[in-house]
Protein backbone atom coordinates (compact mmCIF):
# COMPACT_ATOMS: atom_id res chain seq x y z
CA MET A 1 -27.75 -11.86 -3.71
CA SER A 2 -27.00 -13.30 -7.12
CA LEU A 3 -25.45 -16.39 -8.69
CA PHE A 4 -22.06 -14.61 -8.49
CA SER A 5 -22.28 -13.83 -4.77
CA PRO A 6 -19.74 -16.57 -3.82
CA LEU A 7 -17.20 -14.75 -6.02
CA ALA A 8 -18.03 -11.32 -4.55
CA LEU A 9 -19.01 -10.14 -8.03
CA THR A 10 -21.79 -7.69 -8.79
CA VAL A 11 -23.98 -8.49 -11.77
CA PRO A 12 -23.44 -5.46 -14.04
CA ARG A 13 -25.86 -3.26 -15.90
CA ILE A 14 -24.87 -3.71 -19.53
CA ALA A 15 -25.31 -1.55 -22.61
CA TYR A 16 -25.37 -3.29 -25.98
CA CYS A 17 -24.50 -0.43 -28.33
CA VAL A 18 -24.57 0.25 -32.06
CA ILE A 19 -23.13 3.35 -33.70
CA HIS A 20 -24.46 3.70 -37.23
CA GLN A 21 -25.08 6.10 -40.10
CA ARG A 22 -27.47 5.98 -43.03
CA GLN A 23 -26.32 5.69 -46.60
CA PRO A 24 -25.99 9.08 -48.36
CA ASP A 25 -29.02 8.55 -50.61
CA VAL A 26 -31.42 7.58 -47.79
CA PRO A 27 -33.64 10.46 -46.54
CA GLN A 28 -33.08 11.20 -42.86
CA ASP A 29 -36.81 11.24 -42.00
CA ASN A 30 -37.25 7.81 -43.54
CA TYR A 31 -34.22 6.44 -41.73
CA ILE A 32 -35.54 7.64 -38.36
CA LYS A 33 -39.03 6.29 -39.12
CA ILE A 34 -37.69 2.80 -39.82
CA LEU A 35 -35.29 2.97 -36.86
CA THR A 36 -37.97 3.98 -34.34
CA GLU A 37 -40.34 1.30 -35.64
CA LEU A 38 -37.56 -1.28 -35.27
CA THR A 39 -37.00 -0.11 -31.69
CA ARG A 40 -40.72 -0.17 -30.91
CA GLN A 41 -41.16 -3.70 -32.23
CA ALA A 42 -38.08 -4.93 -30.39
CA GLY A 43 -39.50 -3.56 -27.15
CA THR A 44 -42.90 -5.18 -27.74
CA ARG A 45 -41.44 -8.56 -28.72
CA SER A 46 -39.03 -8.59 -25.77
CA LYS A 47 -41.86 -7.90 -23.30
CA GLU A 48 -43.91 -10.72 -24.81
CA ALA A 49 -40.97 -13.12 -24.60
CA THR A 50 -40.25 -12.07 -21.01
CA GLU A 51 -43.83 -12.82 -19.99
CA ARG A 52 -43.71 -16.25 -21.67
CA ILE A 53 -40.59 -17.14 -19.68
CA ARG A 54 -42.08 -15.75 -16.46
CA SER A 55 -45.26 -17.76 -16.91
CA TRP A 56 -43.31 -20.95 -17.66
CA ARG A 57 -41.06 -20.49 -14.62
CA GLU A 58 -44.07 -19.93 -12.36
CA GLU A 59 -45.65 -23.13 -13.63
CA GLN A 60 -42.44 -25.09 -12.98
CA ALA A 61 -42.03 -23.61 -9.49
CA THR A 62 -45.66 -24.35 -8.63
CA GLU A 63 -45.26 -27.97 -9.67
CA ALA A 64 -41.96 -28.37 -7.80
CA VAL A 65 -43.35 -27.17 -4.44
CA ARG A 66 -46.91 -28.42 -4.82
CA ALA A 67 -46.72 -30.58 -1.69
CA ALA A 68 -44.63 -28.10 0.33
CA PRO A 69 -45.93 -25.53 2.84
CA ALA A 70 -46.83 -22.09 1.41
CA ASP A 71 -43.86 -20.36 3.02
CA VAL A 72 -41.48 -22.80 1.28
CA GLY A 73 -42.99 -21.97 -2.11
CA LYS A 74 -42.60 -18.29 -1.40
CA LYS A 75 -38.94 -18.74 -0.47
CA VAL A 76 -38.26 -20.81 -3.60
CA ARG A 77 -39.78 -18.15 -5.87
CA SER A 78 -37.83 -15.39 -4.13
CA PHE A 79 -34.59 -17.37 -4.46
CA LEU A 80 -35.20 -17.97 -8.16
CA GLU A 81 -35.82 -14.29 -8.77
CA GLN A 82 -32.56 -13.35 -7.07
CA VAL A 83 -30.21 -15.90 -8.60
CA SER A 84 -31.90 -16.31 -12.00
CA PRO A 85 -33.94 -13.23 -12.94
CA VAL A 86 -36.29 -13.49 -15.89
CA PRO A 87 -34.51 -12.12 -19.00
CA ALA A 88 -35.68 -8.66 -19.95
CA VAL A 89 -34.63 -5.48 -21.74
CA GLU A 90 -34.78 -2.68 -19.17
CA ALA A 91 -34.51 0.33 -21.46
CA GLY A 92 -33.38 1.57 -24.85
CA LEU A 93 -31.80 4.78 -26.09
CA GLU A 94 -31.89 6.26 -29.57
CA LEU A 95 -29.51 9.19 -29.98
CA ALA A 96 -28.20 11.17 -32.95
CA THR A 97 -25.36 13.65 -33.24
CA THR A 98 -26.35 17.29 -33.45
CA ASP A 99 -24.34 19.81 -35.44
CA ILE A 100 -23.24 22.51 -32.99
CA THR A 101 -20.29 24.85 -33.48
CA PHE A 102 -18.60 25.70 -30.20
CA ALA A 103 -16.61 28.84 -29.53
CA ASP A 104 -12.85 28.56 -29.14
CA GLY A 105 -11.83 26.62 -26.07
CA ARG A 106 -12.11 23.20 -24.46
CA LEU A 107 -15.43 22.21 -26.07
CA GLN A 108 -14.26 23.10 -29.56
CA GLN A 109 -11.06 21.08 -29.06
CA LEU A 110 -12.89 18.01 -27.75
CA ALA A 111 -15.57 18.21 -30.47
CA GLY A 112 -12.88 18.39 -33.14
CA ALA A 113 -11.22 15.31 -31.67
CA GLY A 114 -14.64 13.62 -31.67
CA ARG A 115 -15.11 14.23 -35.40
CA GLU A 116 -11.63 12.84 -36.08
CA TYR A 117 -12.47 9.81 -33.97
CA LEU A 118 -15.67 9.12 -35.92
CA ALA A 119 -13.75 9.50 -39.18
CA SER A 120 -11.15 7.01 -37.95
CA LEU A 121 -14.00 4.55 -37.35
CA GLY A 122 -15.18 4.97 -40.94
CA PHE A 123 -18.06 7.43 -40.52
CA ARG A 124 -18.68 10.46 -42.75
CA THR A 125 -18.04 13.64 -40.78
CA ALA A 126 -17.89 16.50 -43.30
CA SER A 127 -20.24 19.45 -42.83
CA GLY A 128 -23.76 18.60 -43.97
CA GLU A 129 -23.28 14.83 -43.71
CA ALA A 130 -25.91 12.60 -42.14
CA PRO A 131 -26.00 12.43 -38.33
CA VAL A 132 -24.28 9.52 -36.64
CA HIS A 133 -26.73 7.51 -34.55
CA TYR A 134 -26.15 5.78 -31.23
CA SER A 135 -28.58 2.97 -30.37
CA SER A 136 -28.35 1.19 -27.04
CA LEU A 137 -30.22 -1.62 -25.28
CA ILE A 138 -29.84 -1.74 -21.50
CA PHE A 139 -30.10 -4.92 -19.42
CA THR A 140 -28.63 -6.47 -16.29
CA GLY A 141 -26.66 -9.69 -16.57
CA SER A 142 -24.98 -11.24 -19.59
CA TRP A 143 -27.53 -14.09 -19.82
CA ASN A 144 -29.72 -11.51 -21.57
CA TYR A 145 -27.48 -11.71 -24.66
CA ASP A 146 -29.10 -14.95 -25.83
CA PHE A 147 -32.51 -13.49 -25.07
CA ILE A 148 -31.90 -10.33 -27.12
CA GLU A 149 -30.40 -12.29 -30.00
CA HIS A 150 -33.50 -14.49 -30.09
CA VAL A 151 -35.87 -11.50 -30.02
CA VAL A 152 -34.08 -9.52 -32.73
CA ARG A 153 -33.11 -12.37 -35.05
CA ASP A 154 -35.88 -14.92 -34.56
CA GLU A 155 -38.92 -13.15 -33.11
CA MET A 156 -38.62 -10.11 -35.40
CA GLY A 157 -36.91 -11.75 -38.36
CA ILE A 158 -33.92 -10.33 -40.17
CA TYR A 159 -35.66 -10.54 -43.56
CA GLU A 160 -38.89 -8.83 -42.54
CA TYR A 161 -40.05 -5.22 -42.05
CA PRO A 162 -38.64 -3.18 -40.39
CA HIS A 163 -35.42 -5.10 -39.74
CA LEU A 164 -34.64 -5.77 -43.40
CA ASN A 165 -35.43 -2.17 -44.37
CA HIS A 166 -33.06 -0.84 -41.69
CA ILE A 167 -30.25 -3.14 -42.85
CA GLU A 168 -30.72 -1.96 -46.43
CA GLN A 169 -30.44 1.69 -45.33
CA LEU A 170 -27.33 1.24 -43.21
CA GLY A 171 -24.00 2.71 -44.18
CA ARG A 172 -21.17 2.35 -41.68
CA VAL A 173 -22.00 0.49 -38.46
CA ILE A 174 -20.04 -0.75 -35.42
CA PHE A 175 -21.11 -2.82 -32.41
CA PHE A 176 -19.76 -2.89 -28.87
CA THR A 177 -20.83 -3.72 -25.32
CA GLN A 178 -20.17 -1.86 -22.07
CA ASN A 179 -20.58 -2.28 -18.32
CA GLN A 180 -21.91 0.63 -16.29
CA VAL A 181 -19.23 1.52 -13.74
CA PHE A 182 -21.30 4.07 -11.82
CA ALA A 183 -23.93 6.73 -12.34
CA VAL A 184 -24.95 10.02 -10.72
CA GLY A 185 -28.65 10.66 -11.32
CA ASP A 186 -30.65 8.67 -13.88
CA PRO A 187 -28.74 8.29 -17.17
CA LEU A 188 -31.75 6.76 -18.94
CA GLU A 189 -34.25 9.55 -18.40
CA SER A 190 -34.49 12.54 -20.75
CA GLN A 191 -36.08 15.95 -21.09
CA PRO A 192 -37.09 17.60 -24.37
CA GLY A 193 -34.21 19.37 -26.10
CA GLU A 194 -31.51 18.32 -23.67
CA TRP A 195 -28.00 17.34 -24.69
CA GLN A 196 -26.56 13.90 -24.00
CA PRO A 197 -22.84 14.37 -24.70
CA ALA A 198 -20.50 11.39 -24.71
CA ILE A 199 -16.74 11.55 -24.22
CA PHE A 200 -14.68 8.51 -25.24
CA PHE A 201 -11.22 8.19 -23.72
CA ALA A 202 -8.40 5.83 -22.77
CA LYS A 203 -7.33 5.08 -19.20
CA GLY A 204 -3.58 5.41 -19.48
CA LYS A 205 -1.23 3.97 -16.85
CA PRO A 206 -3.07 4.36 -13.49
CA PRO A 207 -4.31 1.07 -11.94
CA TYR A 208 -8.00 0.41 -12.54
CA ASP A 209 -9.13 0.84 -8.93
CA GLU A 210 -7.28 4.13 -8.58
CA PHE A 211 -8.58 5.35 -11.92
CA ARG A 212 -12.22 4.47 -11.17
CA ALA A 213 -12.06 6.15 -7.76
CA GLY A 214 -10.56 9.34 -9.19
CA LEU A 215 -13.10 9.36 -11.99
CA ARG A 216 -16.00 8.98 -9.55
CA ARG A 217 -14.78 11.89 -7.40
CA ALA A 218 -14.34 14.14 -10.42
CA ILE A 219 -17.73 13.26 -11.96
CA GLU A 220 -19.59 13.74 -8.68
CA ALA A 221 -17.95 17.14 -8.22
CA ALA A 222 -18.66 18.16 -11.83
CA THR A 223 -22.30 17.08 -11.67
CA LYS A 224 -22.85 19.13 -8.52
CA ALA A 225 -20.87 22.19 -9.62
CA ALA A 226 -22.53 22.47 -13.04
CA GLY A 227 -26.01 21.29 -12.04
CA LEU A 228 -26.02 18.42 -14.52
CA ARG A 229 -29.09 16.18 -14.70
CA ALA A 230 -27.06 12.98 -14.76
CA ALA A 231 -23.64 11.53 -15.53
CA SER A 232 -22.55 7.93 -15.99
CA VAL A 233 -19.32 6.10 -16.72
CA TRP A 234 -19.20 2.99 -18.91
CA GLN A 235 -16.33 0.57 -19.53
CA ARG A 236 -16.11 -1.61 -22.64
CA LYS A 237 -16.48 -5.29 -21.85
CA LEU A 238 -13.31 -7.26 -22.43
CA GLY A 239 -12.89 -7.94 -26.15
CA MET A 240 -16.41 -6.68 -26.98
CA GLY A 241 -15.82 -3.98 -29.59
CA ASN A 242 -13.16 -1.86 -31.23
CA ILE A 243 -13.66 1.48 -29.50
CA PHE A 244 -12.00 3.35 -26.64
CA GLU A 245 -12.35 1.44 -23.39
CA TRP A 246 -14.07 4.24 -21.48
CA GLU A 247 -17.09 6.44 -22.13
CA LEU A 248 -18.45 9.26 -20.00
CA ARG A 249 -22.06 10.27 -20.73
CA PHE A 250 -23.86 13.34 -19.49
CA ARG A 251 -27.41 14.66 -19.44
CA CYS A 252 -27.53 18.45 -19.40
CA ALA A 253 -29.36 21.47 -20.76
CA ALA A 254 -28.52 22.55 -24.30
CA ASP A 255 -26.14 25.09 -22.78
CA PRO A 256 -22.44 25.19 -23.72
CA ASP A 257 -21.59 27.18 -20.59
CA GLN A 258 -23.09 24.56 -18.27
CA PHE A 259 -21.30 21.75 -20.08
CA ALA A 260 -18.03 23.70 -20.06
CA ARG A 261 -18.33 24.23 -16.28
CA ALA A 262 -18.63 20.48 -15.81
CA LEU A 263 -15.49 19.81 -17.84
CA ASP A 264 -13.59 22.63 -16.10
CA THR A 265 -14.46 21.02 -12.77
CA ILE A 266 -13.16 17.66 -13.98
CA ALA A 267 -9.96 19.37 -15.14
CA GLU A 268 -9.52 21.00 -11.71
CA THR A 269 -10.42 18.02 -9.51
CA GLY A 270 -9.69 14.93 -11.57
CA GLY A 271 -5.97 14.49 -10.92
CA PRO A 272 -4.55 11.96 -13.43
CA VAL A 273 -8.07 11.41 -14.76
CA ALA A 274 -8.44 15.03 -15.82
CA GLU A 275 -6.15 15.03 -18.85
CA ARG A 276 -7.68 11.84 -20.24
CA VAL A 277 -11.22 13.24 -20.14
CA ALA A 278 -11.05 17.02 -20.30
CA THR A 279 -8.05 17.42 -22.62
CA ARG A 280 -7.59 14.22 -24.64
CA GLY A 281 -11.19 12.98 -24.77
CA ARG A 282 -13.26 12.61 -27.96
CA LEU A 283 -16.58 14.44 -27.64
CA LEU A 284 -19.73 13.39 -29.51
CA LEU A 285 -22.73 15.64 -28.89
CA TYR A 286 -26.01 13.69 -28.99
CA GLN A 287 -29.70 14.37 -28.55
CA ARG A 288 -32.42 11.76 -28.10
CA ILE A 289 -34.66 11.06 -31.08
CA ASP A 290 -36.97 8.40 -29.64
């Protein structure tokens, strides 16, 4: 149950995403050091803020039901937790592109389209250029936007270390927000050295319900056939960013053959979805750095 239950809406898991690249004269090691410290502090400050809100809510609930039987207080607290969860950041991801040259075939074609896509967004993509980073904060429910803005802007301070330092090092940067449509396995876990490829793509003409259903069938089949660790599909929130509407993320071994098997399965089983993902998609190959 949630506040949106009367509308038959599910409160979505949301990813607030930033794709960014350091300026050419900033050393990569220094950029990562500042970035990871920024992420660490954001996590610490958000947990502290969450606990302050939780403590305040408990005090208010205790006062409101002071004269009521114990079972009433328990029901009130349970109801509050369901319809108005305490704001919190559930997880964060820090990824960076890795420079891999694929053999001729589907992966090479999609990776080439991915480089062109990054270039169209204003990022430097020539050989030897700085990696393109993908930072993401994960939370459930859009009321967390105000919470995250407060933590990052007010609790941490834009003009203090490490936030100011990171801003000074930034080159090109874009922001966008997505809803998780579905996931197979845990998309937020990671294992050392694994790949986390992302394929951006457009839906085309099929109706949304038909497209989502076909995509789910294809991804479930691909995950099983290739032995992927996880796969998830994300849809850009309406008006929240200037990127392709759809993103498919994988977790897999650093093995081109395994990844190619997954995409071949999508091509064979995806119907109208297949061309959009496995032929016309834009592939960015990431690895975690946090």
